[in-house]
Amino acid sequence: MRLALKDRIPREYNPQIMVELFQLLQDQLNRLSEGNASAYHGAATAAPTNGTWVRGDWVKNIAPSSAGYFGFVCTVAGTPGTWKGFGVIV
């Protein structure tokens, strides 16, 4: 997920939107400092089914189970992209 502020900055001050923008900026800066600026790291119970994603984005599985996956990685960019499980739990 790439940071794009051009169409996200409101014409009038909106605290909720500003918090969201600062969180996006924080996440992008943290990824940049880790040498991973193009990948989104998050957590969910399953692979994303909406949103626009880039190859290399991944989410940690917060509901792991035996023979399940540690997480999910986007292998083909798109909306929502193609997601594959990784890290089989044995």
N, C-alpha and C. Protein backbone atom coordinates (compact mmCIF):
# COMPACT_ATOMS: atom_id res chain seq x y z
N MET A 1 0.85 -1.16 0.00
CA MET A 1 0.00 0.00 0.00
C MET A 1 0.91 1.24 0.00
N ARG A 2 0.72 2.11 -0.93
CA ARG A 2 1.56 3.30 -1.03
C ARG A 2 0.83 4.52 -0.50
N LEU A 3 1.60 5.41 0.09
CA LEU A 3 1.04 6.63 0.64
C LEU A 3 0.80 7.63 -0.47
N ALA A 4 -0.42 8.10 -0.60
CA ALA A 4 -0.77 9.11 -1.60
C ALA A 4 -1.67 10.13 -0.93
N LEU A 5 -1.15 11.32 -0.71
CA LEU A 5 -1.91 12.33 0.01
C LEU A 5 -2.64 13.30 -0.89
N LYS A 6 -2.31 13.32 -2.17
CA LYS A 6 -2.85 14.32 -3.09
C LYS A 6 -4.36 14.50 -2.98
N ASP A 7 -5.11 13.41 -3.02
CA ASP A 7 -6.57 13.50 -2.99
C ASP A 7 -7.16 13.21 -1.62
N ARG A 8 -6.34 13.16 -0.59
CA ARG A 8 -6.83 12.81 0.74
C ARG A 8 -6.85 13.97 1.70
N ILE A 9 -6.23 15.08 1.37
CA ILE A 9 -6.19 16.21 2.29
C ILE A 9 -7.49 17.00 2.14
N PRO A 10 -8.26 17.12 3.23
CA PRO A 10 -9.54 17.82 3.14
C PRO A 10 -9.35 19.32 2.99
N ARG A 11 -10.32 19.98 2.37
CA ARG A 11 -10.27 21.44 2.21
C ARG A 11 -10.49 22.14 3.54
N GLU A 12 -11.26 21.53 4.42
CA GLU A 12 -11.49 22.07 5.76
C GLU A 12 -10.95 21.08 6.78
N TYR A 13 -10.57 21.60 7.93
CA TYR A 13 -9.99 20.76 8.98
C TYR A 13 -11.00 19.71 9.44
N ASN A 14 -10.57 18.46 9.43
CA ASN A 14 -11.38 17.35 9.89
C ASN A 14 -10.47 16.47 10.76
N PRO A 15 -10.66 16.49 12.08
CA PRO A 15 -9.75 15.77 12.98
C PRO A 15 -9.60 14.28 12.64
N GLN A 16 -10.69 13.62 12.30
CA GLN A 16 -10.62 12.19 12.02
C GLN A 16 -9.76 11.91 10.79
N ILE A 17 -9.94 12.69 9.73
CA ILE A 17 -9.14 12.49 8.51
C ILE A 17 -7.68 12.82 8.78
N MET A 18 -7.42 13.84 9.58
CA MET A 18 -6.03 14.20 9.88
C MET A 18 -5.34 13.08 10.66
N VAL A 19 -6.05 12.46 11.60
CA VAL A 19 -5.47 11.34 12.36
C VAL A 19 -5.15 10.20 11.40
N GLU A 20 -6.06 9.88 10.49
CA GLU A 20 -5.81 8.82 9.52
C GLU A 20 -4.59 9.14 8.65
N LEU A 21 -4.47 10.38 8.21
CA LEU A 21 -3.32 10.77 7.39
C LEU A 21 -2.01 10.64 8.16
N PHE A 22 -2.01 11.07 9.42
CA PHE A 22 -0.80 10.96 10.22
C PHE A 22 -0.44 9.49 10.49
N GLN A 23 -1.44 8.64 10.65
CA GLN A 23 -1.16 7.22 10.84
C GLN A 23 -0.55 6.61 9.57
N LEU A 24 -1.09 6.99 8.40
CA LEU A 24 -0.52 6.50 7.14
C LEU A 24 0.92 6.97 6.99
N LEU A 25 1.17 8.23 7.31
CA LEU A 25 2.52 8.78 7.20
C LEU A 25 3.46 8.07 8.18
N GLN A 26 2.99 7.86 9.39
CA GLN A 26 3.80 7.15 10.39
C GLN A 26 4.16 5.75 9.92
N ASP A 27 3.17 5.02 9.41
CA ASP A 27 3.43 3.67 8.92
C ASP A 27 4.44 3.66 7.79
N GLN A 28 4.30 4.59 6.85
CA GLN A 28 5.21 4.65 5.71
C GLN A 28 6.62 5.00 6.15
N LEU A 29 6.75 5.95 7.08
CA LEU A 29 8.08 6.33 7.58
C LEU A 29 8.72 5.17 8.34
N ASN A 30 7.93 4.45 9.12
CA ASN A 30 8.48 3.30 9.83
C ASN A 30 8.97 2.24 8.86
N ARG A 31 8.19 1.98 7.80
CA ARG A 31 8.61 0.99 6.80
C ARG A 31 9.88 1.45 6.09
N LEU A 32 9.96 2.74 5.80
CA LEU A 32 11.15 3.28 5.14
C LEU A 32 12.37 3.08 6.03
N SER A 33 12.23 3.36 7.33
CA SER A 33 13.37 3.20 8.24
C SER A 33 13.78 1.74 8.39
N GLU A 34 12.84 0.82 8.13
CA GLU A 34 13.15 -0.61 8.20
C GLU A 34 13.64 -1.16 6.86
N GLY A 35 13.73 -0.28 5.84
CA GLY A 35 14.16 -0.72 4.52
C GLY A 35 13.08 -1.46 3.77
N ASN A 36 11.83 -1.19 4.10
CA ASN A 36 10.73 -1.94 3.51
C ASN A 36 9.61 -0.97 3.13
N ALA A 37 9.93 0.06 2.40
CA ALA A 37 8.99 1.14 2.14
C ALA A 37 7.79 0.74 1.31
N SER A 38 7.88 -0.30 0.51
CA SER A 38 6.77 -0.62 -0.37
C SER A 38 5.81 -1.66 0.19
N ALA A 39 6.13 -2.25 1.32
CA ALA A 39 5.29 -3.32 1.84
C ALA A 39 4.48 -2.86 3.04
N TYR A 40 3.21 -3.24 3.04
CA TYR A 40 2.33 -2.98 4.16
C TYR A 40 2.35 -4.19 5.07
N HIS A 41 2.51 -3.96 6.36
CA HIS A 41 2.47 -5.04 7.33
C HIS A 41 1.28 -4.77 8.23
N GLY A 42 0.43 -5.74 8.41
CA GLY A 42 -0.72 -5.57 9.27
C GLY A 42 -1.09 -6.89 9.91
N ALA A 43 -2.28 -6.95 10.44
CA ALA A 43 -2.77 -8.16 11.08
C ALA A 43 -4.25 -8.31 10.79
N ALA A 44 -4.67 -9.55 10.54
CA ALA A 44 -6.07 -9.84 10.25
C ALA A 44 -6.31 -11.32 10.48
N THR A 45 -7.56 -11.72 10.42
CA THR A 45 -7.89 -13.13 10.59
C THR A 45 -7.88 -13.90 9.28
N ALA A 46 -7.76 -13.17 8.15
CA ALA A 46 -7.75 -13.80 6.83
C ALA A 46 -7.08 -12.86 5.84
N ALA A 47 -6.79 -13.37 4.66
CA ALA A 47 -6.23 -12.52 3.60
C ALA A 47 -7.23 -11.41 3.25
N PRO A 48 -6.74 -10.20 2.94
CA PRO A 48 -7.65 -9.11 2.59
C PRO A 48 -8.54 -9.44 1.39
N THR A 49 -9.76 -8.94 1.44
CA THR A 49 -10.71 -9.14 0.34
C THR A 49 -11.14 -7.82 -0.29
N ASN A 50 -10.57 -6.72 0.18
CA ASN A 50 -10.85 -5.42 -0.44
C ASN A 50 -9.63 -4.53 -0.28
N GLY A 51 -9.65 -3.39 -0.92
CA GLY A 51 -8.52 -2.49 -0.89
C GLY A 51 -7.56 -2.76 -2.03
N THR A 52 -6.66 -1.83 -2.26
CA THR A 52 -5.65 -1.97 -3.31
C THR A 52 -4.32 -2.30 -2.67
N TRP A 53 -3.68 -3.33 -3.17
CA TRP A 53 -2.45 -3.85 -2.57
C TRP A 53 -1.37 -4.02 -3.62
N VAL A 54 -0.12 -4.01 -3.19
CA VAL A 54 1.01 -4.23 -4.09
C VAL A 54 1.69 -5.54 -3.72
N ARG A 55 2.37 -6.09 -4.68
CA ARG A 55 3.12 -7.33 -4.46
C ARG A 55 4.11 -7.12 -3.32
N GLY A 56 4.10 -8.04 -2.38
CA GLY A 56 5.00 -7.95 -1.22
C GLY A 56 4.30 -7.49 0.04
N ASP A 57 3.11 -6.90 -0.08
CA ASP A 57 2.35 -6.55 1.12
C ASP A 57 2.00 -7.83 1.85
N TRP A 58 1.95 -7.80 3.18
CA TRP A 58 1.59 -8.98 3.92
C TRP A 58 0.89 -8.63 5.21
N VAL A 59 0.10 -9.59 5.69
CA VAL A 59 -0.58 -9.43 6.96
C VAL A 59 -0.34 -10.68 7.80
N LYS A 60 -0.18 -10.48 9.09
CA LYS A 60 -0.01 -11.58 10.03
C LYS A 60 -1.39 -12.13 10.37
N ASN A 61 -1.49 -13.42 10.49
CA ASN A 61 -2.74 -14.08 10.88
C ASN A 61 -2.90 -13.97 12.39
N ILE A 62 -3.94 -13.26 12.85
CA ILE A 62 -4.14 -13.11 14.29
C ILE A 62 -5.04 -14.20 14.87
N ALA A 63 -5.41 -15.14 14.05
CA ALA A 63 -6.21 -16.29 14.51
C ALA A 63 -5.59 -17.58 13.98
N PRO A 64 -4.31 -17.85 14.30
CA PRO A 64 -3.66 -19.04 13.75
C PRO A 64 -4.24 -20.32 14.34
N SER A 65 -4.13 -21.38 13.56
CA SER A 65 -4.59 -22.69 14.01
C SER A 65 -3.63 -23.75 13.49
N SER A 66 -3.73 -24.94 14.06
CA SER A 66 -2.90 -26.05 13.62
C SER A 66 -3.14 -26.30 12.13
N ALA A 67 -2.07 -26.44 11.37
CA ALA A 67 -2.08 -26.65 9.92
C ALA A 67 -2.55 -25.41 9.16
N GLY A 68 -2.73 -24.28 9.85
CA GLY A 68 -3.08 -23.03 9.19
C GLY A 68 -1.83 -22.27 8.80
N TYR A 69 -1.99 -20.99 8.50
CA TYR A 69 -0.86 -20.15 8.06
C TYR A 69 -0.50 -19.10 9.10
N PHE A 70 0.79 -18.76 9.16
CA PHE A 70 1.27 -17.68 10.02
C PHE A 70 0.80 -16.33 9.50
N GLY A 71 0.69 -16.21 8.16
CA GLY A 71 0.27 -14.95 7.56
C GLY A 71 -0.09 -15.12 6.10
N PHE A 72 -0.34 -13.99 5.45
CA PHE A 72 -0.75 -13.97 4.06
C PHE A 72 0.05 -12.91 3.33
N VAL A 73 0.49 -13.22 2.10
CA VAL A 73 1.32 -12.30 1.31
C VAL A 73 0.67 -12.06 -0.04
N CYS A 74 0.72 -10.80 -0.50
CA CYS A 74 0.19 -10.44 -1.80
C CYS A 74 1.23 -10.81 -2.86
N THR A 75 0.85 -11.68 -3.79
CA THR A 75 1.79 -12.13 -4.82
C THR A 75 1.55 -11.44 -6.17
N VAL A 76 0.35 -10.86 -6.35
CA VAL A 76 0.03 -10.12 -7.57
C VAL A 76 -0.73 -8.87 -7.15
N ALA A 77 -0.21 -7.69 -7.51
CA ALA A 77 -0.85 -6.43 -7.13
C ALA A 77 -2.25 -6.33 -7.71
N GLY A 78 -3.12 -5.62 -7.00
CA GLY A 78 -4.47 -5.42 -7.51
C GLY A 78 -5.44 -5.05 -6.42
N THR A 79 -6.72 -5.10 -6.76
CA THR A 79 -7.79 -4.78 -5.83
C THR A 79 -8.71 -5.99 -5.73
N PRO A 80 -8.55 -6.89 -4.82
CA PRO A 80 -7.65 -6.85 -3.67
C PRO A 80 -6.28 -7.50 -3.91
N GLY A 81 -5.95 -7.87 -5.13
CA GLY A 81 -4.69 -8.56 -5.38
C GLY A 81 -4.87 -10.06 -5.19
N THR A 82 -3.78 -10.79 -5.42
CA THR A 82 -3.78 -12.23 -5.20
C THR A 82 -3.00 -12.52 -3.92
N TRP A 83 -3.63 -13.22 -3.00
CA TRP A 83 -3.05 -13.49 -1.69
C TRP A 83 -2.80 -14.98 -1.51
N LYS A 84 -1.66 -15.30 -0.91
CA LYS A 84 -1.29 -16.69 -0.62
C LYS A 84 -0.88 -16.77 0.85
N GLY A 85 -1.24 -17.91 1.48
CA GLY A 85 -0.81 -18.14 2.85
C GLY A 85 0.67 -18.48 2.89
N PHE A 86 1.35 -18.14 3.99
CA PHE A 86 2.74 -18.54 4.17
C PHE A 86 2.97 -18.96 5.62
N GLY A 87 3.97 -19.77 5.81
CA GLY A 87 4.32 -20.23 7.15
C GLY A 87 3.32 -21.23 7.70
N VAL A 88 3.27 -22.41 7.12
CA VAL A 88 2.34 -23.44 7.59
C VAL A 88 2.70 -23.80 9.03
N ILE A 89 1.71 -23.85 9.89
CA ILE A 89 1.91 -24.17 11.29
C ILE A 89 1.79 -25.70 11.45
N VAL A 90 2.86 -26.33 11.94
CA VAL A 90 2.83 -27.79 12.11
C VAL A 90 2.97 -28.17 13.58
